[in-house]
Amino acid sequence: MGIIARQGIKRSIISYVGVFIGMISIIFIYPLARDAYGYVQFLVSTSTILALILSFGSSGLVVRYFPEFKKDKAYLGIVFSFTISAVIFFSVIIFLLKDLIYKYLKARDFNIDLLDQNLIIIFSLSIFLILIQTFIYQAANYKRIVIPSIIHELSFKILLPILVLLYYFEKITIREIAYVIVVFYMFSFILNAIYVNSLGGISIKNKGFWNLPASKIKEMMQYMGFSGLNVLSANITTRIDTIMIPMLISTAANGTYTIFLFMSNTIAIPMNSLNQIASPVVSDSIKNSDYKNIENIYKKTSINSFIAGAFIFIIIWTILPDLLQIMPKNKDIKPYLYVFFFLGIAKLIDMLTSVNSYIIIYSKYYKYNLIFLIFLAVLNLILNYYLIHIYGITGAGIATMISITLYNLIKLIFIKRKFNLFPFTKNTIVIILIASITFIAGIYIPSTDITILNLIYKPAIIIALYYILIKIFKLKADIIDVGEKTLKKHLPF
């Protein structure tokens, strides 16, 4: 087994361990102190967006130009010179515009105090995050992704429920939670730096981007700008709701919202895995102008992702009222079940439209993806602002669903016109019909007075019905074949 396969398997294991910890925390811990959980999500989301603005995409240089500069021992120094220059430049701009930004937000009913009181913490987290991301990318250049994942991602998923519990039992204040997270980021930066250095990935000499030819500086800055705007737009889309909700409503409301957001993200796990596999194949096929293979991947990824995603969505929606029954302090969460519904539908639409982003990104039309992302980010900002005012956190879910639907519809039309490719087949209609029947049936499955029993027998009925309908309609897909072969291999009968 090669190093990429080994690292990939280990990384997947870490991801699933993180998901398991998250599930336990979402059900039993975070509802105890939704204000603390929502506050942390606000800090993380805001610092992530700020980090992307300050760095201006400079972290992306680490991977993009590594093949070209890997023999240059001063390469990381060159990257850091770009990064430090960008951070200083955009920090000055933000500082000069601070009062104007505050005035604009205050006029639109945003809680400026929440932002202002945490500005130093958010800025500190942003700086550490930029440095951490740089070292994580450098470790990836050496085909090492497991240890950085443990240091930064898994460790934080373990730390967060501990902090929420300490806050719930009044051992620490909400402000002290923020300080602990800053210290955690600092240690994450130090440990990742030590690890990358052990790989031979750090050798910073007295050399910066100013030592490069003017043409190379221009090229690298153009890449920074383009990739930076891409990543920034994508993150605004996925994180803006968890920034706007605490500033327009409360951190407790944000805690409730992010509980349902986590649940909806589990729907996309199969899609993320399939996209990881499909992405390099799409890139290679476009390079070789093999559009027949791209169309095959486009259709297969769509149907396989949706089969798995719809299955997860239906099970969660069916047992969600029972799941809330075992959550502490659930009376404040129960009124917002439809947050999960709208976020879940958004995920399913994203899965149904398959690898459309990769087809655009790896083609000669790659710049259009930035236009589409900016459109999505702006649309999501506007919709979140107005719909949160009208419908509260449910409005944020509706905003995400509308934005993702329009975003994917635009890409769908664009790919059809430019490449004459389409992800849907007759099987698409069949699986939507199967999912709809199962979804409706799940609503009418009677509940018992025993919550644990409901959590067991309801999914069992959904699984049986979903599979029976797949067989009745003779639906064919790779994921079904793999599932059947796996069951036959491990079941004793």
Protein backbone atom coordinates (compact mmCIF):
# COMPACT_ATOMS: atom_id res chain seq x y z
CA MET A 1 0.00 0.00 0.00
CA GLY A 2 1.42 3.38 -1.06
CA ILE A 3 1.92 6.36 1.21
CA ILE A 4 -1.03 8.26 -0.34
CA ALA A 5 -3.38 5.32 0.27
CA ARG A 6 -2.11 4.85 3.84
CA GLN A 7 -2.42 8.54 4.65
CA GLY A 8 -5.85 8.66 3.00
CA ILE A 9 -7.17 5.73 5.05
CA LYS A 10 -5.77 7.13 8.29
CA ARG A 11 -7.20 10.56 7.47
CA SER A 12 -10.62 9.01 6.85
CA ILE A 13 -10.48 7.21 10.20
CA ILE A 14 -9.67 10.51 11.95
CA SER A 15 -12.59 12.17 10.13
CA TYR A 16 -15.04 9.51 11.27
CA VAL A 17 -13.70 9.65 14.84
CA GLY A 18 -14.30 13.41 14.70
CA VAL A 19 -17.83 12.87 13.36
CA PHE A 20 -18.55 10.39 16.18
CA ILE A 21 -17.29 12.83 18.83
CA GLY A 22 -19.35 15.55 17.19
CA MET A 23 -22.52 13.42 17.19
CA ILE A 24 -22.18 12.58 20.88
CA SER A 25 -21.49 16.23 21.69
CA ILE A 26 -24.38 17.49 19.56
CA ILE A 27 -26.87 15.17 21.26
CA PHE A 28 -25.73 15.25 24.88
CA ILE A 29 -23.41 18.22 25.51
CA TYR A 30 -23.94 21.27 23.30
CA PRO A 31 -27.68 21.62 24.11
CA LEU A 32 -26.65 22.15 27.75
CA ALA A 33 -25.03 25.49 26.86
CA ARG A 34 -26.15 26.61 23.43
CA ASP A 35 -24.92 30.14 24.07
CA ALA A 36 -21.35 28.94 24.66
CA TYR A 37 -21.43 26.60 21.66
CA GLY A 38 -22.89 29.32 19.43
CA TYR A 39 -20.29 31.80 20.70
CA VAL A 40 -17.42 29.47 19.78
CA GLN A 41 -18.89 28.89 16.31
CA PHE A 42 -19.12 32.65 15.87
CA LEU A 43 -15.44 33.08 16.81
CA VAL A 44 -14.30 30.23 14.55
CA SER A 45 -16.36 31.36 11.54
CA THR A 46 -15.45 35.05 11.87
CA SER A 47 -11.74 34.34 12.35
CA THR A 48 -11.77 31.98 9.35
CA ILE A 49 -13.27 34.66 7.10
CA LEU A 50 -10.87 37.30 8.43
CA ALA A 51 -7.90 34.94 7.92
CA LEU A 52 -8.87 34.51 4.27
CA ILE A 53 -9.11 38.29 3.81
CA LEU A 54 -5.81 39.03 5.54
CA SER A 55 -3.81 36.30 3.80
CA PHE A 56 -5.28 37.10 0.36
CA GLY A 57 -4.84 33.46 -0.70
CA SER A 58 -1.11 33.37 0.07
CA SER A 59 -1.42 30.00 1.85
CA GLY A 60 -2.40 28.46 -1.48
CA LEU A 61 1.05 29.30 -2.85
CA VAL A 62 2.54 26.56 -0.66
CA VAL A 63 1.02 23.75 -2.73
CA ARG A 64 0.70 25.48 -6.12
CA TYR A 65 4.39 26.41 -6.48
CA PHE A 66 6.00 23.65 -4.42
CA PRO A 67 6.99 21.53 -7.49
CA GLU A 68 8.72 24.58 -8.96
CA PHE A 69 10.47 25.75 -5.77
CA LYS A 70 10.97 22.53 -3.76
CA LYS A 71 14.74 22.58 -4.37
CA ASP A 72 14.91 26.16 -3.11
CA LYS A 73 15.55 25.95 0.63
CA ALA A 74 14.17 29.47 1.04
CA TYR A 75 10.77 28.58 -0.49
CA LEU A 76 8.75 28.81 2.74
CA GLY A 77 10.44 32.14 3.43
CA ILE A 78 9.18 33.39 0.06
CA VAL A 79 5.65 32.25 0.92
CA PHE A 80 5.80 33.92 4.34
CA SER A 81 7.03 37.15 2.79
CA PHE A 82 3.89 37.20 0.59
CA THR A 83 1.75 36.31 3.62
CA ILE A 84 3.19 38.91 6.00
CA SER A 85 2.93 41.63 3.35
CA ALA A 86 -0.71 40.73 2.64
CA VAL A 87 -1.59 40.59 6.36
CA ILE A 88 -0.04 44.01 7.04
CA PHE A 89 -1.67 45.60 3.98
CA PHE A 90 -5.19 44.32 4.64
CA SER A 91 -4.94 44.86 8.40
CA VAL A 92 -4.21 48.56 7.77
CA ILE A 93 -7.16 48.80 5.35
CA ILE A 94 -9.54 47.12 7.81
CA PHE A 95 -8.30 49.38 10.64
CA LEU A 96 -8.88 52.49 8.53
CA LEU A 97 -12.35 51.31 7.51
CA LYS A 98 -13.30 49.98 10.97
CA ASP A 99 -15.55 52.88 12.01
CA LEU A 100 -17.25 52.94 8.61
CA ILE A 101 -17.88 49.17 8.78
CA TYR A 102 -19.25 49.46 12.32
CA LYS A 103 -21.54 52.33 11.30
CA TYR A 104 -22.86 50.35 8.33
CA LEU A 105 -23.54 47.21 10.42
CA LYS A 106 -25.10 49.13 13.30
CA ALA A 107 -27.52 50.85 10.93
CA ARG A 108 -28.69 47.38 9.90
CA ASP A 109 -29.35 46.14 13.46
CA PHE A 110 -26.20 44.05 13.84
CA ASN A 111 -24.88 43.58 17.39
CA ILE A 112 -21.66 45.54 17.03
CA ASP A 113 -20.71 44.97 20.69
CA LEU A 114 -20.34 41.21 20.08
CA LEU A 115 -17.87 41.91 17.29
CA ASP A 116 -16.04 44.78 18.97
CA GLN A 117 -15.56 43.00 22.30
CA ASN A 118 -14.05 39.99 20.55
CA LEU A 119 -12.06 41.79 17.86
CA ILE A 120 -8.61 41.12 19.40
CA ILE A 121 -9.48 37.46 19.94
CA ILE A 122 -10.78 37.09 16.37
CA PHE A 123 -7.71 38.82 14.95
CA SER A 124 -5.37 36.59 17.03
CA LEU A 125 -7.18 33.44 15.91
CA SER A 126 -6.97 34.63 12.29
CA ILE A 127 -3.19 35.13 12.43
CA PHE A 128 -2.60 31.72 14.02
CA LEU A 129 -4.98 30.13 11.52
CA ILE A 130 -3.03 31.57 8.57
CA LEU A 131 0.23 30.16 9.97
CA ILE A 132 -1.35 26.80 10.82
CA GLN A 133 -2.85 26.46 7.34
CA THR A 134 0.54 27.23 5.77
CA PHE A 135 2.21 24.43 7.74
CA ILE A 136 -0.64 21.99 7.04
CA TYR A 137 -0.25 22.63 3.31
CA GLN A 138 3.52 22.19 3.58
CA ALA A 139 3.03 18.86 5.38
CA ALA A 140 0.72 17.81 2.53
CA ASN A 141 3.54 18.57 0.08
CA TYR A 142 5.49 15.85 1.89
CA LYS A 143 2.40 13.60 1.68
CA ARG A 144 1.79 13.81 5.41
CA ILE A 145 -1.77 14.83 6.35
CA VAL A 146 -2.58 12.67 9.37
CA ILE A 147 -0.57 14.30 12.19
CA PRO A 148 -1.63 17.87 11.27
CA SER A 149 -5.26 16.66 11.23
CA ILE A 150 -4.88 15.22 14.72
CA ILE A 151 -3.11 18.31 16.04
CA HIS A 152 -5.59 20.88 14.74
CA GLU A 153 -8.92 19.27 13.81
CA LEU A 154 -9.42 16.21 16.00
CA SER A 155 -7.92 17.86 19.08
CA PHE A 156 -10.30 20.82 18.73
CA LYS A 157 -13.29 18.49 18.42
CA ILE A 158 -12.21 16.88 21.70
CA LEU A 159 -11.51 20.22 23.39
CA LEU A 160 -14.77 21.97 22.48
CA PRO A 161 -17.23 19.70 24.35
CA ILE A 162 -14.93 19.81 27.38
CA LEU A 163 -15.03 23.63 27.34
CA VAL A 164 -18.82 23.66 26.96
CA LEU A 165 -19.18 21.27 29.92
CA LEU A 166 -16.84 23.39 32.05
CA TYR A 167 -18.92 26.45 31.20
CA TYR A 168 -22.16 24.60 31.99
CA PHE A 169 -20.85 23.61 35.42
CA GLU A 170 -19.68 27.22 35.94
CA LYS A 171 -15.99 26.34 36.14
CA ILE A 172 -15.05 28.86 33.45
CA THR A 173 -16.66 31.94 31.93
CA ILE A 174 -17.58 32.38 28.30
CA ARG A 175 -14.69 34.86 27.94
CA GLU A 176 -12.24 32.30 29.32
CA ILE A 177 -13.43 29.84 26.66
CA ALA A 178 -12.21 32.32 24.04
CA TYR A 179 -8.81 32.64 25.74
CA VAL A 180 -8.42 28.85 25.89
CA ILE A 181 -9.17 28.61 22.17
CA VAL A 182 -6.53 31.25 21.39
CA VAL A 183 -4.00 29.25 23.43
CA PHE A 184 -5.08 26.08 21.63
CA TYR A 185 -4.48 27.74 18.23
CA MET A 186 -1.08 28.94 19.43
CA PHE A 187 -0.05 25.42 20.45
CA SER A 188 -1.48 24.03 17.20
CA PHE A 189 0.75 26.45 15.31
CA ILE A 190 3.84 25.49 17.37
CA LEU A 191 3.24 21.73 17.11
CA ASN A 192 2.54 21.87 13.37
CA ALA A 193 5.72 23.93 12.88
CA ILE A 194 7.74 21.36 14.85
CA TYR A 195 6.24 18.51 12.82
CA VAL A 196 6.88 20.17 9.44
CA ASN A 197 10.43 20.96 10.54
CA SER A 198 10.94 17.25 11.37
CA LEU A 199 9.95 16.47 7.77
CA GLY A 200 12.61 18.88 6.51
CA GLY A 201 9.93 21.29 5.32
CA ILE A 202 11.20 24.40 7.09
CA SER A 203 14.33 26.15 5.98
CA ILE A 204 13.66 29.86 6.00
CA LYS A 205 16.59 31.85 4.70
CA ASN A 206 16.96 35.58 4.19
CA LYS A 207 14.98 35.59 0.97
CA GLY A 208 11.59 37.03 0.11
CA PHE A 209 9.39 37.50 -2.92
CA TRP A 210 11.36 40.67 -3.79
CA ASN A 211 14.26 38.40 -4.81
CA LEU A 212 12.12 36.85 -7.55
CA PRO A 213 11.80 38.15 -11.12
CA ALA A 214 9.04 40.75 -11.56
CA SER A 215 7.15 38.43 -13.94
CA LYS A 216 7.11 35.63 -11.32
CA ILE A 217 5.94 38.03 -8.58
CA LYS A 218 3.10 39.18 -10.83
CA GLU A 219 2.15 35.60 -11.68
CA MET A 220 2.12 34.50 -8.03
CA MET A 221 0.13 37.56 -6.92
CA GLN A 222 -2.46 36.92 -9.63
CA TYR A 223 -2.78 33.34 -8.42
CA MET A 224 -3.12 34.57 -4.83
CA GLY A 225 -5.90 36.93 -5.79
CA PHE A 226 -7.83 34.42 -7.86
CA SER A 227 -7.52 31.48 -5.46
CA GLY A 228 -8.04 33.75 -2.45
CA LEU A 229 -11.32 35.12 -3.81
CA ASN A 230 -12.45 31.59 -4.66
CA VAL A 231 -11.84 30.27 -1.16
CA LEU A 232 -13.17 33.43 0.49
CA SER A 233 -16.42 33.31 -1.50
CA ALA A 234 -16.87 29.62 -0.74
CA ASN A 235 -16.32 30.20 2.99
CA ILE A 236 -18.65 33.20 3.11
CA THR A 237 -21.32 30.93 1.67
CA THR A 238 -20.80 28.18 4.26
CA ARG A 239 -20.08 30.36 7.31
CA ILE A 240 -21.97 33.62 6.92
CA ASP A 241 -25.07 32.26 8.66
CA THR A 242 -23.10 31.38 11.81
CA ILE A 243 -21.71 34.93 11.83
CA MET A 244 -24.96 36.77 11.14
CA ILE A 245 -27.23 34.80 13.50
CA PRO A 246 -25.37 35.74 16.72
CA MET A 247 -25.07 39.33 15.55
CA LEU A 248 -28.75 39.60 14.59
CA ILE A 249 -30.33 37.31 17.20
CA SER A 250 -28.09 35.71 19.88
CA THR A 251 -25.26 33.25 20.44
CA ALA A 252 -27.81 30.80 21.91
CA ALA A 253 -29.78 30.93 18.64
CA ASN A 254 -26.51 30.29 16.82
CA GLY A 255 -25.92 27.27 19.06
CA THR A 256 -29.29 25.83 18.07
CA TYR A 257 -28.64 26.53 14.40
CA THR A 258 -25.19 24.91 14.38
CA ILE A 259 -26.60 21.78 16.03
CA PHE A 260 -28.83 21.29 12.99
CA LEU A 261 -26.03 22.42 10.67
CA PHE A 262 -23.82 19.62 11.98
CA MET A 263 -26.60 17.10 11.39
CA SER A 264 -27.06 18.30 7.81
CA ASN A 265 -23.32 18.08 7.16
CA THR A 266 -23.43 14.32 7.85
CA ILE A 267 -25.62 13.99 4.75
CA ALA A 268 -22.72 15.20 2.60
CA ILE A 269 -20.14 12.68 3.90
CA PRO A 270 -20.71 10.23 0.98
CA MET A 271 -20.48 13.10 -1.53
CA ASN A 272 -17.22 14.35 -0.04
CA SER A 273 -15.68 10.89 -0.33
CA LEU A 274 -16.87 10.41 -3.91
CA ASN A 275 -15.69 13.89 -4.93
CA GLN A 276 -12.21 13.18 -3.53
CA ILE A 277 -12.00 10.21 -5.87
CA ALA A 278 -13.69 11.88 -8.84
CA SER A 279 -11.79 15.19 -8.73
CA PRO A 280 -8.40 13.99 -10.08
CA VAL A 281 -10.13 11.80 -12.68
CA VAL A 282 -12.13 14.79 -13.95
CA SER A 283 -8.95 16.87 -14.10
CA ASP A 284 -7.10 14.19 -16.07
CA SER A 285 -10.06 13.59 -18.41
CA ILE A 286 -10.39 17.30 -19.22
CA LYS A 287 -6.66 17.46 -19.90
CA ASN A 288 -7.07 14.58 -22.39
CA SER A 289 -10.39 15.95 -23.76
CA ASP A 290 -12.10 12.71 -22.73
CA TYR A 291 -15.58 14.17 -22.32
CA LYS A 292 -17.26 10.80 -22.57
CA ASN A 293 -15.51 9.75 -19.36
CA ILE A 294 -16.40 13.09 -17.73
CA GLU A 295 -20.07 12.57 -18.58
CA ASN A 296 -19.90 9.06 -17.12
CA ILE A 297 -18.40 10.41 -13.86
CA TYR A 298 -20.90 13.30 -13.85
CA LYS A 299 -23.87 10.94 -14.01
CA LYS A 300 -22.47 8.23 -11.72
CA THR A 301 -21.39 10.64 -8.98
CA SER A 302 -24.81 12.32 -9.10
CA ILE A 303 -26.86 9.14 -8.70
CA ASN A 304 -24.54 7.48 -6.15
CA SER A 305 -24.22 10.60 -4.00
CA PHE A 306 -27.95 11.20 -4.01
CA ILE A 307 -28.85 7.59 -3.15
CA ALA A 308 -26.62 7.74 -0.06
CA GLY A 309 -27.47 11.33 0.87
CA ALA A 310 -31.24 10.91 0.54
CA PHE A 311 -31.05 7.76 2.67
CA ILE A 312 -29.22 9.59 5.48
CA PHE A 313 -31.54 12.61 5.21
CA ILE A 314 -34.71 10.51 5.47
CA ILE A 315 -33.45 8.54 8.47
CA ILE A 316 -32.40 11.68 10.37
CA TRP A 317 -35.68 13.47 9.59
CA THR A 318 -37.72 10.40 10.64
CA ILE A 319 -35.99 10.03 14.01
CA LEU A 320 -35.30 13.73 14.65
CA PRO A 321 -38.24 14.25 17.07
CA ASP A 322 -37.11 11.16 19.01
CA LEU A 323 -33.51 12.30 18.90
CA LEU A 324 -34.51 15.61 20.45
CA GLN A 325 -36.29 13.72 23.22
CA ILE A 326 -32.95 12.48 24.58
CA MET A 327 -31.29 15.88 24.22
CA PRO A 328 -31.00 17.95 27.41
CA LYS A 329 -32.91 21.27 27.42
CA ASN A 330 -34.67 20.25 24.21
CA LYS A 331 -37.70 22.56 24.60
CA ASP A 332 -35.64 25.44 23.15
CA ILE A 333 -34.57 23.34 20.15
CA LYS A 334 -37.81 21.55 19.19
CA PRO A 335 -39.47 24.54 17.46
CA TYR A 336 -36.66 24.67 14.88
CA LEU A 337 -36.78 21.21 13.27
CA TYR A 338 -37.26 22.76 9.85
CA VAL A 339 -33.80 24.31 10.02
CA PHE A 340 -32.46 20.80 9.43
CA PHE A 341 -35.04 20.19 6.70
CA PHE A 342 -34.00 23.20 4.60
CA LEU A 343 -30.27 22.65 5.17
CA GLY A 344 -30.72 18.98 4.29
CA ILE A 345 -32.53 19.78 1.04
CA ALA A 346 -29.67 22.16 0.15
CA LYS A 347 -27.18 19.30 0.64
CA LEU A 348 -29.27 16.93 -1.51
CA ILE A 349 -29.46 19.46 -4.35
CA ASP A 350 -25.69 19.90 -4.14
CA MET A 351 -25.24 16.12 -4.31
CA LEU A 352 -27.68 15.71 -7.18
CA THR A 353 -25.78 18.22 -9.33
CA SER A 354 -22.61 16.19 -8.78
CA VAL A 355 -19.09 17.32 -9.72
CA ASN A 356 -20.19 20.44 -11.62
CA SER A 357 -17.68 22.70 -9.82
CA TYR A 358 -14.74 20.43 -10.71
CA ILE A 359 -15.76 20.31 -14.39
CA ILE A 360 -15.65 24.12 -14.50
CA ILE A 361 -12.54 24.55 -12.32
CA TYR A 362 -10.39 22.14 -14.35
CA SER A 363 -11.54 23.47 -17.72
CA LYS A 364 -10.52 26.59 -19.65
CA TYR A 365 -13.60 28.26 -18.16
CA TYR A 366 -12.21 28.04 -14.62
CA LYS A 367 -12.59 31.80 -14.04
CA TYR A 368 -16.35 31.48 -14.32
CA ASN A 369 -16.39 29.46 -11.12
CA LEU A 370 -15.20 32.54 -9.25
CA ILE A 371 -18.03 34.59 -10.77
CA PHE A 372 -20.55 31.95 -9.72
CA LEU A 373 -19.08 31.77 -6.20
CA ILE A 374 -19.18 35.54 -5.77
CA PHE A 375 -22.81 35.49 -6.94
CA LEU A 376 -23.55 32.75 -4.38
CA ALA A 377 -21.78 34.62 -1.56
CA VAL A 378 -23.58 37.91 -2.26
CA LEU A 379 -26.94 36.18 -2.68
CA ASN A 380 -26.45 34.26 0.56
CA LEU A 381 -25.53 37.45 2.42
CA ILE A 382 -28.63 39.27 1.20
CA LEU A 383 -31.02 36.36 1.75
CA ASN A 384 -29.63 35.61 5.22
CA TYR A 385 -30.03 39.23 6.29
CA TYR A 386 -33.65 39.54 5.21
CA LEU A 387 -34.85 36.01 6.01
CA ILE A 388 -33.22 35.92 9.46
CA HIS A 389 -35.12 39.11 10.27
CA ILE A 390 -38.39 37.50 9.15
CA TYR A 391 -38.06 33.83 10.16
CA GLY A 392 -35.17 33.75 12.63
CA ILE A 393 -32.75 30.82 12.34
CA THR A 394 -35.22 28.99 10.08
CA GLY A 395 -34.73 31.88 7.67
CA ALA A 396 -31.00 31.12 7.58
CA GLY A 397 -31.80 27.55 6.52
CA ILE A 398 -34.17 28.81 3.81
CA ALA A 399 -31.52 31.28 2.61
CA THR A 400 -28.97 28.50 2.26
CA MET A 401 -31.41 26.27 0.38
CA ILE A 402 -32.37 29.01 -2.11
CA SER A 403 -28.75 30.10 -2.64
CA ILE A 404 -27.43 26.57 -3.20
CA THR A 405 -30.31 25.76 -5.57
CA LEU A 406 -29.75 28.83 -7.75
CA TYR A 407 -25.95 28.40 -7.64
CA ASN A 408 -26.15 24.81 -8.85
CA LEU A 409 -28.82 25.64 -11.43
CA ILE A 410 -26.52 28.26 -12.98
CA LYS A 411 -23.62 25.79 -13.11
CA LEU A 412 -25.92 23.10 -14.52
CA ILE A 413 -27.01 25.38 -17.39
CA PHE A 414 -23.44 26.61 -17.97
CA ILE A 415 -22.01 23.07 -18.26
CA LYS A 416 -24.87 21.99 -20.52
CA ARG A 417 -24.23 24.93 -22.87
CA LYS A 418 -20.42 24.79 -22.88
CA PHE A 419 -19.81 21.02 -22.72
CA ASN A 420 -23.21 19.52 -23.58
CA LEU A 421 -22.99 17.45 -20.38
CA PHE A 422 -25.89 16.66 -18.06
CA PRO A 423 -25.84 14.66 -14.80
CA PHE A 424 -29.43 13.43 -14.82
CA THR A 425 -30.83 10.22 -16.32
CA LYS A 426 -34.05 8.22 -16.01
CA ASN A 427 -32.56 6.75 -12.84
CA THR A 428 -32.53 10.27 -11.35
CA ILE A 429 -36.32 10.45 -11.60
CA VAL A 430 -36.60 6.92 -10.18
CA ILE A 431 -34.44 7.62 -7.10
CA ILE A 432 -36.24 10.94 -6.42
CA LEU A 433 -39.54 9.01 -6.54
CA ILE A 434 -38.17 6.29 -4.22
CA ALA A 435 -36.82 8.90 -1.80
CA SER A 436 -40.12 10.81 -1.82
CA ILE A 437 -42.19 7.68 -1.08
CA THR A 438 -39.82 6.67 1.72
CA PHE A 439 -39.79 10.19 3.14
CA ILE A 440 -43.60 10.35 3.29
CA ALA A 441 -43.78 6.86 4.76
CA GLY A 442 -41.26 7.86 7.44
CA ILE A 443 -43.52 10.70 8.58
CA TYR A 444 -46.36 8.26 9.26
CA ILE A 445 -44.38 5.61 11.11
CA PRO A 446 -46.06 5.53 14.55
CA SER A 447 -44.04 6.34 17.65
CA THR A 448 -44.01 4.34 20.86
CA ASP A 449 -43.64 5.75 24.36
CA ILE A 450 -40.11 4.33 24.47
CA THR A 451 -37.74 6.76 22.74
CA ILE A 452 -34.83 4.32 22.43
CA LEU A 453 -37.13 1.80 20.74
CA ASN A 454 -38.22 4.48 18.24
CA LEU A 455 -34.57 5.23 17.46
CA ILE A 456 -34.04 1.57 16.59
CA TYR A 457 -37.17 0.39 14.83
CA LYS A 458 -37.90 3.49 12.74
CA PRO A 459 -34.53 3.42 10.91
CA ALA A 460 -34.98 -0.35 10.43
CA ILE A 461 -38.30 0.25 8.64
CA ILE A 462 -36.76 3.04 6.52
CA ILE A 463 -33.83 0.82 5.52
CA ALA A 464 -36.14 -2.06 4.57
CA LEU A 465 -38.57 0.16 2.62
CA TYR A 466 -35.80 2.05 0.81
CA TYR A 467 -34.11 -1.19 -0.29
CA ILE A 468 -37.40 -2.88 -1.29
CA LEU A 469 -38.36 0.10 -3.46
CA ILE A 470 -34.91 0.09 -5.07
CA LYS A 471 -35.45 -3.56 -5.97
CA ILE A 472 -39.04 -3.02 -7.17
CA PHE A 473 -37.98 -0.17 -9.45
CA LYS A 474 -34.85 -2.15 -10.51
CA LEU A 475 -32.59 0.82 -9.83
CA LYS A 476 -28.98 0.21 -10.80
CA ALA A 477 -26.05 2.07 -9.24
CA ASP A 478 -22.50 1.29 -8.12
CA ILE A 479 -23.23 2.13 -4.49
CA ILE A 480 -26.05 -0.44 -4.39
CA ASP A 481 -23.83 -3.16 -5.89
CA VAL A 482 -21.02 -2.40 -3.42
CA GLY A 483 -23.47 -2.40 -0.51
CA GLU A 484 -24.98 -5.74 -1.52
CA LYS A 485 -21.58 -7.38 -2.01
CA THR A 486 -20.40 -6.09 1.38
CA LEU A 487 -23.51 -7.46 3.12
CA LYS A 488 -23.22 -10.85 1.43
CA LYS A 489 -19.60 -11.05 2.45
CA HIS A 490 -20.19 -10.29 6.15
CA LEU A 491 -23.67 -11.69 6.87
CA PRO A 492 -23.75 -15.34 8.03
CA PHE A 493 -26.81 -16.18 5.89
